[in-house]
Amino acid sequence: MALEVKRKRVDVDLILDQEKAEKVAVLGADLERAMAQHVTEGGNAAAKRIAEQIDKLRDEVKDDTVRITLEALPLSQWRQVLESNTVTENGIPKQRIEDICADAVRLMVRKTVPETPVDDLANVMTELSDGQISPIWYAIRDLNAKLIDPKDALESASRIIRRQSAS
């Protein structure tokens, strides 16, 4: 039987308008705080108001947003991306996130909406602010560097099930 590896995919929205991207992020944080507040029987008015502001901004940034579908890389390719973007200065390894993102995007993009040339996406990485590139970086990092070891969870589940069956 041939083994088939199924790599995880994730969608990331790149908002090219920095000012509006920052407004969305600030409102998102405000929304989280509002949702954590006490809610009355009539609902959470503050959360609703903030959600409406975010929805309005979504319409405003629609033409400046690219939805990028990224797929995890095989380990050898991920290692190659990291190695080619690591320099050692005074014995200290240094990496530039924008360069890692540019190279990773070239290999990881599976789809864009609207359809956007992958090289255009990769080339814009050095133009983005920290706030704009962060969601892309976190998605790339989590897809390729997150430890996945389900063994403990599977064993714990089996122990719990066996204990309950014995009762």
Protein backbone atom coordinates (compact mmCIF):
# COMPACT_ATOMS: atom_id res chain seq x y z
CA MET A 1 0.00 0.00 0.00
CA ALA A 2 1.35 3.41 -0.95
CA LEU A 3 1.41 5.90 1.91
CA GLU A 4 -0.05 9.32 1.25
CA VAL A 5 0.84 12.33 3.37
CA LYS A 6 -1.95 14.86 3.78
CA ARG A 7 -0.52 18.25 4.67
CA LYS A 8 -2.58 20.83 6.50
CA ARG A 9 -3.83 23.96 4.75
CA VAL A 10 -4.84 27.32 6.15
CA ASP A 11 -6.32 30.52 4.71
CA VAL A 12 -4.79 33.90 5.55
CA ASP A 13 -6.11 37.31 4.56
CA LEU A 14 -3.49 39.82 3.48
CA ILE A 15 -4.84 43.37 3.72
CA LEU A 16 -2.60 45.56 1.60
CA ASP A 17 -3.88 48.84 3.10
CA GLN A 18 -1.81 49.13 6.29
CA GLU A 19 -3.97 51.75 7.98
CA LYS A 20 -7.17 49.79 7.49
CA ALA A 21 -5.47 46.52 8.45
CA GLU A 22 -4.43 48.13 11.74
CA LYS A 23 -7.98 49.42 12.33
CA VAL A 24 -9.36 45.90 11.79
CA ALA A 25 -6.79 44.48 14.24
CA VAL A 26 -7.56 47.11 16.91
CA LEU A 27 -11.29 46.58 16.53
CA GLY A 28 -10.73 42.80 16.71
CA ALA A 29 -8.98 43.22 20.06
CA ASP A 30 -11.79 45.54 21.23
CA LEU A 31 -14.33 42.92 20.17
CA GLU A 32 -12.59 40.21 22.18
CA ARG A 33 -12.59 42.41 25.28
CA ALA A 34 -16.26 43.35 24.76
CA MET A 35 -17.23 39.70 24.36
CA ALA A 36 -15.50 38.89 27.65
CA GLN A 37 -17.63 41.48 29.48
CA HIS A 38 -20.84 40.73 31.32
CA VAL A 39 -23.74 40.30 28.91
CA THR A 40 -27.25 41.52 29.72
CA GLU A 41 -30.45 39.80 28.66
CA GLY A 42 -30.63 42.13 25.68
CA GLY A 43 -27.26 40.91 24.43
CA ASN A 44 -23.85 42.48 24.34
CA ALA A 45 -24.47 45.93 22.83
CA ALA A 46 -20.79 46.91 22.79
CA ALA A 47 -19.78 43.70 21.00
CA LYS A 48 -22.55 44.19 18.45
CA ARG A 49 -21.49 47.80 17.78
CA ILE A 50 -17.84 46.79 17.31
CA ALA A 51 -18.80 43.84 15.10
CA GLU A 52 -20.77 46.22 12.89
CA GLN A 53 -17.72 48.50 12.61
CA ILE A 54 -15.56 45.53 11.60
CA ASP A 55 -18.15 44.47 9.04
CA LYS A 56 -18.14 47.98 7.55
CA LEU A 57 -14.33 47.92 7.37
CA ARG A 58 -14.47 44.50 5.70
CA ASP A 59 -16.38 46.10 2.82
CA GLU A 60 -13.85 48.95 2.65
CA VAL A 61 -10.81 46.62 2.45
CA LYS A 62 -12.41 44.09 0.11
CA ASP A 63 -10.51 45.39 -2.94
CA ASP A 64 -7.23 45.56 -0.97
CA THR A 65 -7.44 42.01 0.41
CA VAL A 66 -5.94 38.82 -0.96
CA ARG A 67 -7.04 35.53 0.62
CA ILE A 68 -4.07 33.15 0.48
CA THR A 69 -4.39 29.39 0.91
CA LEU A 70 -1.11 27.99 2.24
CA GLU A 71 -0.14 24.32 2.54
CA ALA A 72 2.51 22.94 4.89
CA LEU A 73 5.83 21.99 3.32
CA PRO A 74 7.66 18.68 3.56
CA LEU A 75 10.39 18.95 6.22
CA SER A 76 13.22 18.98 3.67
CA GLN A 77 11.74 22.00 1.86
CA TRP A 78 11.03 23.86 5.11
CA ARG A 79 14.58 23.23 6.30
CA GLN A 80 15.88 24.52 2.97
CA VAL A 81 13.83 27.73 3.33
CA LEU A 82 15.22 28.30 6.83
CA GLU A 83 18.81 27.48 5.90
CA SER A 84 18.81 29.74 2.85
CA ASN A 85 17.52 32.62 4.99
CA THR A 86 19.86 32.25 7.97
CA VAL A 87 23.09 34.22 8.23
CA THR A 88 25.58 34.10 11.06
CA GLU A 89 26.92 37.38 12.38
CA ASN A 90 29.51 37.24 15.17
CA GLY A 91 28.57 33.63 15.81
CA ILE A 92 24.87 34.45 16.18
CA PRO A 93 22.39 33.06 13.63
CA LYS A 94 19.97 35.68 12.31
CA GLN A 95 16.87 35.36 10.16
CA ARG A 96 14.72 37.95 8.44
CA ILE A 97 11.05 37.00 8.66
CA GLU A 98 10.16 38.83 5.45
CA ASP A 99 12.74 36.80 3.48
CA ILE A 100 11.54 33.53 5.01
CA CYS A 101 7.95 34.49 4.19
CA ALA A 102 8.82 35.41 0.60
CA ASP A 103 10.55 32.08 -0.05
CA ALA A 104 7.92 30.06 1.83
CA VAL A 105 5.05 31.76 -0.02
CA ARG A 106 6.61 30.75 -3.35
CA LEU A 107 6.43 27.10 -2.24
CA MET A 108 3.30 27.03 -0.06
CA VAL A 109 0.61 28.97 -1.95
CA ARG A 110 -2.10 26.69 -3.30
CA LYS A 111 -4.74 29.31 -4.14
CA THR A 112 -5.35 33.05 -4.00
CA VAL A 113 -8.59 35.03 -4.18
CA PRO A 114 -8.56 37.14 -6.23
CA GLU A 115 -6.13 35.21 -8.41
CA THR A 116 -2.72 36.76 -7.81
CA PRO A 117 0.66 35.69 -9.22
CA VAL A 118 2.67 33.95 -6.50
CA ASP A 119 5.79 35.94 -7.38
CA ASP A 120 3.84 39.18 -6.83
CA LEU A 121 2.86 37.95 -3.37
CA ALA A 122 6.40 36.89 -2.55
CA ASN A 123 7.83 40.20 -3.76
CA VAL A 124 5.43 42.27 -1.65
CA MET A 125 6.59 40.60 1.60
CA THR A 126 9.45 43.09 2.02
CA GLU A 127 6.99 45.98 1.59
CA LEU A 128 4.62 44.93 4.39
CA SER A 129 4.53 46.35 7.89
CA ASP A 130 5.08 44.09 10.87
CA GLY A 131 1.34 44.01 11.50
CA GLN A 132 0.57 43.02 7.92
CA ILE A 133 3.18 40.25 7.64
CA SER A 134 2.59 38.77 11.13
CA PRO A 135 -0.53 36.74 10.25
CA ILE A 136 1.30 35.28 7.24
CA TRP A 137 4.41 34.50 9.30
CA TYR A 138 2.38 32.84 12.08
CA ALA A 139 0.50 30.71 9.56
CA ILE A 140 3.74 29.65 7.83
CA ARG A 141 5.45 28.92 11.15
CA ASP A 142 2.50 26.99 12.58
CA LEU A 143 2.04 24.92 9.43
CA ASN A 144 5.71 23.94 9.29
CA ALA A 145 7.18 24.07 12.77
CA LYS A 146 4.40 23.12 15.18
CA LEU A 147 5.11 19.94 17.13
CA ILE A 148 2.45 17.35 16.36
CA ASP A 149 2.66 14.26 18.53
CA PRO A 150 -0.76 12.72 19.09
CA LYS A 151 0.67 9.70 20.96
CA ASP A 152 0.01 11.06 24.49
CA ALA A 153 -3.55 12.12 23.63
CA LEU A 154 -4.34 8.75 22.05
CA GLU A 155 -2.91 6.84 25.02
CA SER A 156 -4.75 9.03 27.55
CA ALA A 157 -8.02 8.56 25.70
CA SER A 158 -7.51 4.78 25.69
CA ARG A 159 -6.79 4.72 29.45
CA ILE A 160 -9.90 6.77 30.23
CA ILE A 161 -12.11 4.60 28.04
CA ARG A 162 -10.72 1.38 29.57
CA ARG A 163 -11.29 2.76 33.09
CA GLN A 164 -14.88 3.71 32.35
CA SER A 165 -15.57 0.34 30.70
CA ALA A 166 -14.21 -1.47 33.78
CA SER A 167 -16.52 0.50 36.11
